[in-house]
Structure formats: structure tokens, C-alpha cells
Amino acid sequence: MCLIIFAYQAEPRYPLVVAANRDEFYARPTAEADFWESPSSLPLRSQVLAGRDLQAGGTWLGIAPEGRFAAVTNIFDPSRDKQKVRSRGDLPKGFLIGSLSPEEYFESIHAEFDQFAGFNLLLGDSKALYYANNIEGVISQLEPGIYGLSNGLLNDNQPRVERGEKKLKSLLDPDHKLDTDLLIRMMADKEVATDQELSSKPVTFKLERQLSSTFIVDQEQRYGTRCSSAVIRNEMGNVRFCEQNYDSSGKPTGCNFFELRAMPTK
């Protein structure tokens, strides 16, 4: 049930803005965002900044040199959610540690889409941003705009997606500066949807309401928002990355902040 709200070339000062929540079972072992160690045999761009799923070894969101960005969410699809051979976290990981362009990477893995349970995948670099899912199987280069992803398809009309898109649009005010703290606060919203906003499917009405807020705390299921991430890339290519972590009660714990300067072009 992860949530990603993002703006691509929607504000000239900030070509890429991403606000994301990772919703996961509290028991799943996780490493907080940091630079991954890279064997000397790998290229510089393999210096990945991301959290890590310690159970399967992948990641849900990360960045790398040359403007590389990747993020994945699950798609609720019972027909595909049987045990699959590969973890969805391998998808962003493979892109971030590699050297292929977003389009090239998508083309290289397209034949493997059925090896994963349902997913949405975003891949970008300093030149373009691409999206695909393994329900439709179509690879798309995104146009400038504000988008939202949760456990449906891109810009699905889920209440938490629509609320997030509206809030991000208001934050991209050309008269105000955007910072990662604003995005983290935006993703801490615990307001649930009204009965009129709920569809009562594909999950039960009660569960759908519990999962309709931007920020989730479900003590009964031992599941909820484990961390919020904010990524801002400015017109110079410099990136600010913030990850706010939470405990099982939704209380903030550690916060990790990074600033990356764009590599000079030759």
C-alpha cells in the first residue's frame, strides 16, 4: 500500500519532486536510507542512496548519480499476488546500480514482468521519466505534470492519491520555496476518506477506510507507514533527499537527510 506523489517538470525550479510513504509490516527487517557500499569493480553510478529491504535485498525508492531515480509500489491484484519467484524490490535496485537509460532498462526487463507480483515502477534520469506496470505492460514516457501512485494504476482515483496530488500542487507555489520538511509533513496526514469516497473494493469497506489515509497505522495488523521520503531535484541538478522513519505507533524516530551536488558535465 505504498504511496508516491510526484511532480515532473511541473515547476521550473524543481524538475523532479517526490513525496512517498512506504507502508509495510512492522516486522519486516529494513535498513534506513544511506549510501550503499559499492565494489570497486562497479561504475561510480552504482553509488546508490536508498533504504534497503533486508529480507529480499531490494529497495522501494532510491537515487543515484546522473539524476537516476527509481521507485516501486505494489498493485493489489489477487490474480498476480500468489508467491512469485522475484521480489519487486529488485526492479528499482537493478536500475539504480546499472548504467542503462530508463527506457533501455524497461526494455531489458519487459519479458520478465510476469515473474513479479503486481507492481508500478517509476524510472528516471536527468533527461526523462518513465512509468510501467505489469498489469497493462505498457512502457510510457511521462509528460510534465503532477502524478500519484498507490496500489492501483497511475493517477487512480483513490482518495489518498487525489488528496496528495492536490496538496503537492499547492506546495509548488512559484512564490514560495519548497523544502523536504514540507513534503514529509504532507505525507503525515492521517485523515481517512469519507464513506462517499470509498468504493468498498477491492478490499472490505472497513479495511479500505483504514488504508485510505496518506499515513497508515494499523496496530491490529501490525502494519503501517514505516518511513516517508522526500526528493527534490532543482534546475541545477542538485538533489535534497530526506527520509523520516516511524515506529509501530506512528511516532517519528530517526531522520536521514542528504544533499547531492550534480556531477559537472564534461
C-alpha atoms as a PDB file:
ATOM      1  CA  MET A   1       0.000   0.000   0.000  1.00  0.00           C
ATOM      2  CA  CYS A   2       2.868   2.410  -0.578  1.00  0.00           C
ATOM      3  CA  LEU A   3       2.030   5.900  -1.829  1.00  0.00           C
ATOM      4  CA  ILE A   4       4.050   8.101  -4.186  1.00  0.00           C
ATOM      5  CA  ILE A   5       3.016  11.652  -5.065  1.00  0.00           C
ATOM      6  CA  PHE A   6       5.333  13.342  -7.537  1.00  0.00           C
ATOM      7  CA  ALA A   7       5.722  16.281  -9.868  1.00  0.00           C
ATOM      8  CA  TYR A   8       7.725  16.031 -13.062  1.00  0.00           C
ATOM      9  CA  GLN A   9       8.729  19.311 -14.715  1.00  0.00           C
ATOM     10  CA  ALA A  10       5.641  20.948 -13.221  1.00  0.00           C
ATOM     11  CA  GLU A  11       7.652  23.820 -11.680  1.00  0.00           C
ATOM     12  CA  PRO A  12      10.746  25.206 -13.463  1.00  0.00           C
ATOM     13  CA  ARG A  13      12.758  25.475 -10.232  1.00  0.00           C
ATOM     14  CA  TYR A  14      12.151  21.835  -9.344  1.00  0.00           C
ATOM     15  CA  PRO A  15      12.171  19.426 -12.328  1.00  0.00           C
ATOM     16  CA  LEU A  16      11.532  16.470 -10.003  1.00  0.00           C
ATOM     17  CA  VAL A  17       9.686  16.459  -6.684  1.00  0.00           C
ATOM     18  CA  VAL A  18       8.783  13.191  -4.961  1.00  0.00           C
ATOM     19  CA  ALA A  19       6.941  12.550  -1.695  1.00  0.00           C
ATOM     20  CA  ALA A  20       6.491   8.895  -0.772  1.00  0.00           C
ATOM     21  CA  ASN A  21       5.326   6.667   2.063  1.00  0.00           C
ATOM     22  CA  ARG A  22       6.476   3.091   2.435  1.00  0.00           C
ATOM     23  CA  ASP A  23       3.718   1.036   4.052  1.00  0.00           C
ATOM     24  CA  GLU A  24       4.888  -2.353   5.255  1.00  0.00           C
ATOM     25  CA  PHE A  25       4.546  -4.878   8.062  1.00  0.00           C
ATOM     26  CA  TYR A  26       6.475  -3.656  11.095  1.00  0.00           C
ATOM     27  CA  ALA A  27       8.253  -6.980  11.468  1.00  0.00           C
ATOM     28  CA  ARG A  28       9.911  -6.860   8.043  1.00  0.00           C
ATOM     29  CA  PRO A  29      13.624  -6.079   8.580  1.00  0.00           C
ATOM     30  CA  THR A  30      14.743  -2.839   6.965  1.00  0.00           C
ATOM     31  CA  ALA A  31      17.862  -0.686   6.696  1.00  0.00           C
ATOM     32  CA  GLU A  32      17.344   3.074   6.708  1.00  0.00           C
ATOM     33  CA  ALA A  33      18.382   5.206   3.743  1.00  0.00           C
ATOM     34  CA  ASP A  34      22.127   5.539   3.270  1.00  0.00           C
ATOM     35  CA  PHE A  35      24.755   5.166   0.570  1.00  0.00           C
ATOM     36  CA  TRP A  36      25.174   1.555  -0.411  1.00  0.00           C
ATOM     37  CA  GLU A  37      28.656   0.132  -0.427  1.00  0.00           C
ATOM     38  CA  SER A  38      29.867  -0.414  -3.955  1.00  0.00           C
ATOM     39  CA  PRO A  39      32.528  -2.873  -5.102  1.00  0.00           C
ATOM     40  CA  SER A  40      35.393  -1.081  -6.820  1.00  0.00           C
ATOM     41  CA  SER A  41      34.649  -3.056  -9.979  1.00  0.00           C
ATOM     42  CA  LEU A  42      31.322  -1.275 -10.410  1.00  0.00           C
ATOM     43  CA  PRO A  43      30.948   2.171 -12.028  1.00  0.00           C
ATOM     44  CA  LEU A  44      30.555   5.334  -9.977  1.00  0.00           C
ATOM     45  CA  ARG A  45      26.835   5.468 -10.664  1.00  0.00           C
ATOM     46  CA  SER A  46      26.406   2.307  -8.602  1.00  0.00           C
ATOM     47  CA  GLN A  47      26.802   4.528  -5.505  1.00  0.00           C
ATOM     48  CA  VAL A  48      23.133   4.205  -4.645  1.00  0.00           C
ATOM     49  CA  LEU A  49      21.352   6.230  -1.954  1.00  0.00           C
ATOM     50  CA  ALA A  50      18.334   4.257  -0.756  1.00  0.00           C
ATOM     51  CA  GLY A  51      16.792   2.261   2.019  1.00  0.00           C
ATOM     52  CA  ARG A  52      17.103  -1.494   1.803  1.00  0.00           C
ATOM     53  CA  ASP A  53      14.716  -4.363   2.390  1.00  0.00           C
ATOM     54  CA  LEU A  54      16.871  -6.743   4.435  1.00  0.00           C
ATOM     55  CA  GLN A  55      14.556  -9.678   3.805  1.00  0.00           C
ATOM     56  CA  ALA A  56      14.817  -9.706  -0.008  1.00  0.00           C
ATOM     57  CA  GLY A  57      17.708  -7.301  -0.606  1.00  0.00           C
ATOM     58  CA  GLY A  58      15.970  -4.758  -2.817  1.00  0.00           C
ATOM     59  CA  THR A  59      14.633  -1.257  -2.285  1.00  0.00           C
ATOM     60  CA  TRP A  60      11.403   0.699  -2.708  1.00  0.00           C
ATOM     61  CA  LEU A  61      12.856   4.107  -3.616  1.00  0.00           C
ATOM     62  CA  GLY A  62      16.320   5.455  -4.298  1.00  0.00           C
ATOM     63  CA  ILE A  63      18.551   7.797  -6.238  1.00  0.00           C
ATOM     64  CA  ALA A  64      21.980   7.556  -7.848  1.00  0.00           C
ATOM     65  CA  PRO A  65      24.394   9.836  -9.743  1.00  0.00           C
ATOM     66  CA  GLU A  66      23.429  11.451 -13.058  1.00  0.00           C
ATOM     67  CA  GLY A  67      19.903  12.132 -11.815  1.00  0.00           C
ATOM     68  CA  ARG A  68      18.918   8.473 -11.638  1.00  0.00           C
ATOM     69  CA  PHE A  69      15.721   7.853  -9.682  1.00  0.00           C
ATOM     70  CA  ALA A  70      13.630   4.732  -9.150  1.00  0.00           C
ATOM     71  CA  ALA A  71      10.579   3.820  -7.084  1.00  0.00           C
ATOM     72  CA  VAL A  72       8.135   0.929  -6.944  1.00  0.00           C
ATOM     73  CA  THR A  73       4.699   0.311  -5.440  1.00  0.00           C
ATOM     74  CA  ASN A  74       2.643  -2.854  -5.188  1.00  0.00           C
ATOM     75  CA  ILE A  75      -0.553  -3.273  -7.193  1.00  0.00           C
ATOM     76  CA  PHE A  76      -3.423  -5.065  -5.476  1.00  0.00           C
ATOM     77  CA  ASP A  77      -4.194  -7.830  -7.962  1.00  0.00           C
ATOM     78  CA  PRO A  78      -5.262 -11.210  -6.495  1.00  0.00           C
ATOM     79  CA  SER A  79      -4.600 -12.943  -9.807  1.00  0.00           C
ATOM     80  CA  ARG A  80      -0.926 -11.969  -9.602  1.00  0.00           C
ATOM     81  CA  ASP A  81      -0.344 -11.839  -5.860  1.00  0.00           C
ATOM     82  CA  LYS A  82       0.493 -15.508  -5.499  1.00  0.00           C
ATOM     83  CA  GLN A  83       4.047 -16.310  -4.494  1.00  0.00           C
ATOM     84  CA  LYS A  84       6.369 -15.113  -7.241  1.00  0.00           C
ATOM     85  CA  VAL A  85       9.971 -16.022  -7.939  1.00  0.00           C
ATOM     86  CA  ARG A  86      11.343 -12.489  -7.626  1.00  0.00           C
ATOM     87  CA  SER A  87      10.955  -9.577  -5.230  1.00  0.00           C
ATOM     88  CA  ARG A  88       9.573  -6.302  -6.592  1.00  0.00           C
ATOM     89  CA  GLY A  89      12.387  -4.501  -4.791  1.00  0.00           C
ATOM     90  CA  ASP A  90      14.786  -5.968  -7.361  1.00  0.00           C
ATOM     91  CA  LEU A  91      13.266  -3.718 -10.038  1.00  0.00           C
ATOM     92  CA  PRO A  92      14.454  -0.310  -8.768  1.00  0.00           C
ATOM     93  CA  LYS A  93      17.642  -1.854  -7.417  1.00  0.00           C
ATOM     94  CA  GLY A  94      18.642  -3.204 -10.827  1.00  0.00           C
ATOM     95  CA  PHE A  95      18.185   0.180 -12.451  1.00  0.00           C
ATOM     96  CA  LEU A  96      19.992   2.180  -9.783  1.00  0.00           C
ATOM     97  CA  ILE A  97      23.137   0.048  -9.764  1.00  0.00           C
ATOM     98  CA  GLY A  98      23.268  -0.179 -13.543  1.00  0.00           C
ATOM     99  CA  SER A  99      24.079   2.109 -16.450  1.00  0.00           C
ATOM    100  CA  LEU A 100      21.108   1.651 -18.791  1.00  0.00           C
ATOM    101  CA  SER A 101      18.792   4.559 -19.520  1.00  0.00           C
ATOM    102  CA  PRO A 102      15.246   4.269 -18.113  1.00  0.00           C
ATOM    103  CA  GLU A 103      13.864   3.240 -21.495  1.00  0.00           C
ATOM    104  CA  GLU A 104      16.656   0.722 -22.081  1.00  0.00           C
ATOM    105  CA  TYR A 105      16.197  -0.818 -18.637  1.00  0.00           C
ATOM    106  CA  PHE A 106      12.446  -1.178 -19.096  1.00  0.00           C
ATOM    107  CA  GLU A 107      13.016  -2.865 -22.446  1.00  0.00           C
ATOM    108  CA  SER A 108      15.574  -5.224 -20.884  1.00  0.00           C
ATOM    109  CA  ILE A 109      13.158  -6.429 -18.178  1.00  0.00           C
ATOM    110  CA  HIS A 110       9.866  -6.279 -20.075  1.00  0.00           C
ATOM    111  CA  ALA A 111       9.880 -10.010 -20.816  1.00  0.00           C
ATOM    112  CA  GLU A 112      10.339 -10.683 -17.072  1.00  0.00           C
ATOM    113  CA  PHE A 113       7.294  -8.721 -15.846  1.00  0.00           C
ATOM    114  CA  ASP A 114       5.334 -11.910 -15.115  1.00  0.00           C
ATOM    115  CA  GLN A 115       7.999 -13.067 -12.660  1.00  0.00           C
ATOM    116  CA  PHE A 116       6.790 -10.417 -10.198  1.00  0.00           C
ATOM    117  CA  ALA A 117       3.569  -9.832  -8.298  1.00  0.00           C
ATOM    118  CA  GLY A 118       1.658  -6.714  -9.389  1.00  0.00           C
ATOM    119  CA  PHE A 119       3.788  -3.561  -9.479  1.00  0.00           C
ATOM    120  CA  ASN A 120       4.069   0.054 -10.596  1.00  0.00           C
ATOM    121  CA  LEU A 121       7.600   1.150 -11.493  1.00  0.00           C
ATOM    122  CA  LEU A 122       8.980   4.659 -11.990  1.00  0.00           C
ATOM    123  CA  LEU A 123      12.414   5.126 -13.551  1.00  0.00           C
ATOM    124  CA  GLY A 124      14.073   8.414 -14.387  1.00  0.00           C
ATOM    125  CA  ASP A 125      17.286  10.262 -15.055  1.00  0.00           C
ATOM    126  CA  SER A 126      18.171  13.865 -15.838  1.00  0.00           C
ATOM    127  CA  LYS A 127      16.592  13.554 -19.296  1.00  0.00           C
ATOM    128  CA  ALA A 128      13.302  11.706 -18.869  1.00  0.00           C
ATOM    129  CA  LEU A 129      10.893   9.908 -16.533  1.00  0.00           C
ATOM    130  CA  TYR A 130       9.248   6.610 -17.470  1.00  0.00           C
ATOM    131  CA  TYR A 131       6.430   4.531 -15.982  1.00  0.00           C
ATOM    132  CA  ALA A 132       5.193   0.981 -16.443  1.00  0.00           C
ATOM    133  CA  ASN A 133       3.170  -1.642 -14.615  1.00  0.00           C
ATOM    134  CA  ASN A 134       2.849  -5.358 -15.192  1.00  0.00           C
ATOM    135  CA  ILE A 135      -0.943  -5.294 -15.472  1.00  0.00           C
ATOM    136  CA  GLU A 136      -1.065  -3.299 -18.708  1.00  0.00           C
ATOM    137  CA  GLY A 137       2.544  -3.984 -19.717  1.00  0.00           C
ATOM    138  CA  VAL A 138       2.918  -0.617 -21.470  1.00  0.00           C
ATOM    139  CA  ILE A 139       6.085   1.490 -21.075  1.00  0.00           C
ATOM    140  CA  SER A 140       5.292   5.219 -21.084  1.00  0.00           C
ATOM    141  CA  GLN A 141       7.439   8.336 -21.085  1.00  0.00           C
ATOM    142  CA  LEU A 142       5.691  10.781 -18.772  1.00  0.00           C
ATOM    143  CA  GLU A 143       4.741  14.303 -19.781  1.00  0.00           C
ATOM    144  CA  PRO A 144       5.205  17.222 -17.362  1.00  0.00           C
ATOM    145  CA  GLY A 145       2.613  17.149 -14.602  1.00  0.00           C
ATOM    146  CA  ILE A 146       1.611  16.057 -11.108  1.00  0.00           C
ATOM    147  CA  TYR A 147       1.001  12.350 -10.568  1.00  0.00           C
ATOM    148  CA  GLY A 148       0.060   9.861  -7.876  1.00  0.00           C
ATOM    149  CA  LEU A 149       0.658   6.142  -7.373  1.00  0.00           C
ATOM    150  CA  SER A 150      -0.636   3.806  -4.708  1.00  0.00           C
ATOM    151  CA  ASN A 151      -1.813   0.213  -5.093  1.00  0.00           C
ATOM    152  CA  GLY A 152      -3.747   0.927  -8.298  1.00  0.00           C
ATOM    153  CA  LEU A 153      -2.590   2.276 -11.633  1.00  0.00           C
ATOM    154  CA  LEU A 154      -1.091   5.712 -12.298  1.00  0.00           C
ATOM    155  CA  ASN A 155      -3.390   8.568 -11.191  1.00  0.00           C
ATOM    156  CA  ASP A 156      -6.006   6.104  -9.949  1.00  0.00           C
ATOM    157  CA  ASN A 157      -8.868   7.953  -8.265  1.00  0.00           C
ATOM    158  CA  GLN A 158      -8.147   6.651  -4.781  1.00  0.00           C
ATOM    159  CA  PRO A 159      -8.828   9.312  -2.113  1.00  0.00           C
ATOM    160  CA  ARG A 160      -5.247   9.268  -0.785  1.00  0.00           C
ATOM    161  CA  VAL A 161      -3.885   9.754  -4.312  1.00  0.00           C
ATOM    162  CA  GLU A 162      -6.226  12.623  -5.157  1.00  0.00           C
ATOM    163  CA  ARG A 163      -5.578  14.378  -1.830  1.00  0.00           C
ATOM    164  CA  GLY A 164      -1.841  14.035  -2.286  1.00  0.00           C
ATOM    165  CA  GLU A 165      -1.901  15.456  -5.801  1.00  0.00           C
ATOM    166  CA  LYS A 166      -3.901  18.484  -4.653  1.00  0.00           C
ATOM    167  CA  LYS A 167      -1.572  19.119  -1.712  1.00  0.00           C
ATOM    168  CA  LEU A 168       1.557  18.848  -3.824  1.00  0.00           C
ATOM    169  CA  LYS A 169       0.099  21.247  -6.365  1.00  0.00           C
ATOM    170  CA  SER A 170      -0.469  23.810  -3.598  1.00  0.00           C
ATOM    171  CA  LEU A 171       3.118  23.388  -2.355  1.00  0.00           C
ATOM    172  CA  LEU A 172       4.524  24.115  -5.820  1.00  0.00           C
ATOM    173  CA  ASP A 173       3.644  27.775  -5.450  1.00  0.00           C
ATOM    174  CA  PRO A 174       6.121  29.784  -7.564  1.00  0.00           C
ATOM    175  CA  ASP A 175       6.194  32.469  -4.855  1.00  0.00           C
ATOM    176  CA  HIS A 176       7.402  30.093  -2.137  1.00  0.00           C
ATOM    177  CA  LYS A 177      10.423  27.884  -1.599  1.00  0.00           C
ATOM    178  CA  LEU A 178       9.886  24.151  -1.390  1.00  0.00           C
ATOM    179  CA  ASP A 179      11.795  22.070   1.149  1.00  0.00           C
ATOM    180  CA  THR A 180      11.778  18.434   2.170  1.00  0.00           C
ATOM    181  CA  ASP A 181      10.183  19.183   5.558  1.00  0.00           C
ATOM    182  CA  LEU A 182       7.019  20.378   3.820  1.00  0.00           C
ATOM    183  CA  LEU A 183       6.819  17.163   1.839  1.00  0.00           C
ATOM    184  CA  ILE A 184       7.384  14.982   4.907  1.00  0.00           C
ATOM    185  CA  ARG A 185       4.606  16.830   6.753  1.00  0.00           C
ATOM    186  CA  MET A 186       2.322  16.410   3.755  1.00  0.00           C
ATOM    187  CA  MET A 187       2.818  12.646   3.935  1.00  0.00           C
ATOM    188  CA  ALA A 188       1.965  12.509   7.667  1.00  0.00           C
ATOM    189  CA  ASP A 189      -1.744  13.159   7.064  1.00  0.00           C
ATOM    190  CA  LYS A 190      -3.864  10.581   8.928  1.00  0.00           C
ATOM    191  CA  GLU A 191      -7.260  11.777   7.690  1.00  0.00           C
ATOM    192  CA  VAL A 192      -9.312   8.847   6.373  1.00  0.00           C
ATOM    193  CA  ALA A 193     -11.704   9.013   3.448  1.00  0.00           C
ATOM    194  CA  THR A 194     -15.417   9.652   3.887  1.00  0.00           C
ATOM    195  CA  ASP A 195     -17.912   6.863   3.206  1.00  0.00           C
ATOM    196  CA  GLN A 196     -18.861   8.590  -0.043  1.00  0.00           C
ATOM    197  CA  GLU A 197     -15.250   8.473  -1.243  1.00  0.00           C
ATOM    198  CA  LEU A 198     -14.847   4.750  -0.630  1.00  0.00           C
ATOM    199  CA  SER A 199     -15.527   2.186  -3.322  1.00  0.00           C
ATOM    200  CA  SER A 200     -15.748  -0.820  -0.948  1.00  0.00           C
ATOM    201  CA  LYS A 201     -13.496  -2.764  -3.287  1.00  0.00           C
ATOM    202  CA  PRO A 202     -11.109  -4.452  -3.884  1.00  0.00           C
ATOM    203  CA  VAL A 203     -10.904  -4.886  -0.100  1.00  0.00           C
ATOM    204  CA  THR A 204     -13.520  -4.779   2.630  1.00  0.00           C
ATOM    205  CA  PHE A 205     -15.125  -1.445   3.478  1.00  0.00           C
ATOM    206  CA  LYS A 206     -13.586  -1.328   6.963  1.00  0.00           C
ATOM    207  CA  LEU A 207     -10.107  -2.151   5.739  1.00  0.00           C
ATOM    208  CA  GLU A 208     -10.412   0.244   2.822  1.00  0.00           C
ATOM    209  CA  ARG A 209     -11.216   3.080   5.226  1.00  0.00           C
ATOM    210  CA  GLN A 210      -8.227   2.193   7.420  1.00  0.00           C
ATOM    211  CA  LEU A 211      -5.942   2.233   4.388  1.00  0.00           C
ATOM    212  CA  SER A 212      -7.395   5.389   2.819  1.00  0.00           C
ATOM    213  CA  SER A 213      -5.274   7.874   4.755  1.00  0.00           C
ATOM    214  CA  THR A 214      -1.937   9.134   3.499  1.00  0.00           C
ATOM    215  CA  PHE A 215      -0.232   7.899   6.675  1.00  0.00           C
ATOM    216  CA  ILE A 216      -1.281   4.476   7.967  1.00  0.00           C
ATOM    217  CA  VAL A 217      -1.110   2.963  11.451  1.00  0.00           C
ATOM    218  CA  ASP A 218      -2.838  -0.411  11.764  1.00  0.00           C
ATOM    219  CA  GLN A 219      -1.948  -1.883  15.129  1.00  0.00           C
ATOM    220  CA  GLU A 220      -4.312  -4.829  14.639  1.00  0.00           C
ATOM    221  CA  GLN A 221      -2.497  -5.991  11.502  1.00  0.00           C
ATOM    222  CA  ARG A 222       0.924  -4.790  12.750  1.00  0.00           C
ATOM    223  CA  TYR A 223       1.205  -2.838   9.529  1.00  0.00           C
ATOM    224  CA  GLY A 224       1.650   0.805   8.608  1.00  0.00           C
ATOM    225  CA  THR A 225       3.815   3.606   7.293  1.00  0.00           C
ATOM    226  CA  ARG A 226       7.414   2.705   8.084  1.00  0.00           C
ATOM    227  CA  CYS A 227       9.002   5.789   6.536  1.00  0.00           C
ATOM    228  CA  SER A 228       8.310   8.905   4.484  1.00  0.00           C
ATOM    229  CA  SER A 229      10.758  10.017   1.796  1.00  0.00           C
ATOM    230  CA  ALA A 230      11.149  13.371   0.065  1.00  0.00           C
ATOM    231  CA  VAL A 231      13.262  14.026  -3.018  1.00  0.00           C
ATOM    232  CA  ILE A 232      13.742  17.456  -4.579  1.00  0.00           C
ATOM    233  CA  ARG A 233      15.919  17.978  -7.641  1.00  0.00           C
ATOM    234  CA  ASN A 234      16.454  21.601  -8.617  1.00  0.00           C
ATOM    235  CA  GLU A 235      17.159  23.155 -12.008  1.00  0.00           C
ATOM    236  CA  MET A 236      20.914  22.804 -11.430  1.00  0.00           C
ATOM    237  CA  GLY A 237      20.572  19.059 -10.909  1.00  0.00           C
ATOM    238  CA  ASN A 238      21.324  19.215  -7.181  1.00  0.00           C
ATOM    239  CA  VAL A 239      19.240  16.875  -5.026  1.00  0.00           C
ATOM    240  CA  ARG A 240      17.926  17.022  -1.474  1.00  0.00           C
ATOM    241  CA  PHE A 241      16.836  13.676  -0.040  1.00  0.00           C
ATOM    242  CA  CYS A 242      15.127  13.209   3.315  1.00  0.00           C
ATOM    243  CA  GLU A 243      13.837  10.038   4.949  1.00  0.00           C
ATOM    244  CA  GLN A 244      11.743  10.208   8.128  1.00  0.00           C
ATOM    245  CA  ASN A 245      11.298   6.879   9.900  1.00  0.00           C
ATOM    246  CA  TYR A 246       8.483   5.881  12.273  1.00  0.00           C
ATOM    247  CA  ASP A 247       7.870   3.260  14.927  1.00  0.00           C
ATOM    248  CA  SER A 248       4.834   0.971  15.103  1.00  0.00           C
ATOM    249  CA  SER A 249       2.750   3.635  16.859  1.00  0.00           C
ATOM    250  CA  GLY A 250       3.430   6.177  14.118  1.00  0.00           C
ATOM    251  CA  LYS A 251       5.864   8.145  16.275  1.00  0.00           C
ATOM    252  CA  PRO A 252       8.828   9.714  14.400  1.00  0.00           C
ATOM    253  CA  THR A 253      12.189   8.114  15.107  1.00  0.00           C
ATOM    254  CA  GLY A 254      15.345   8.719  13.081  1.00  0.00           C
ATOM    255  CA  CYS A 255      15.566  11.215  10.239  1.00  0.00           C
ATOM    256  CA  ASN A 256      18.180  10.949   7.479  1.00  0.00           C
ATOM    257  CA  PHE A 257      18.995  13.956   5.275  1.00  0.00           C
ATOM    258  CA  PHE A 258      21.362  14.112   2.309  1.00  0.00           C
ATOM    259  CA  GLU A 259      22.371  16.729  -0.240  1.00  0.00           C
ATOM    260  CA  LEU A 260      23.901  15.648  -3.541  1.00  0.00           C
ATOM    261  CA  ARG A 261      25.607  18.019  -5.939  1.00  0.00           C
ATOM    262  CA  ALA A 262      25.188  17.440  -9.641  1.00  0.00           C
ATOM    263  CA  MET A 263      28.254  15.968 -11.317  1.00  0.00           C
ATOM    264  CA  PRO A 264      29.916  18.500 -13.642  1.00  0.00           C
ATOM    265  CA  THR A 265      29.437  17.739 -17.312  1.00  0.00           C
ATOM    266  CA  LYS A 266      32.499  17.189 -19.442  1.00  0.00           C
END
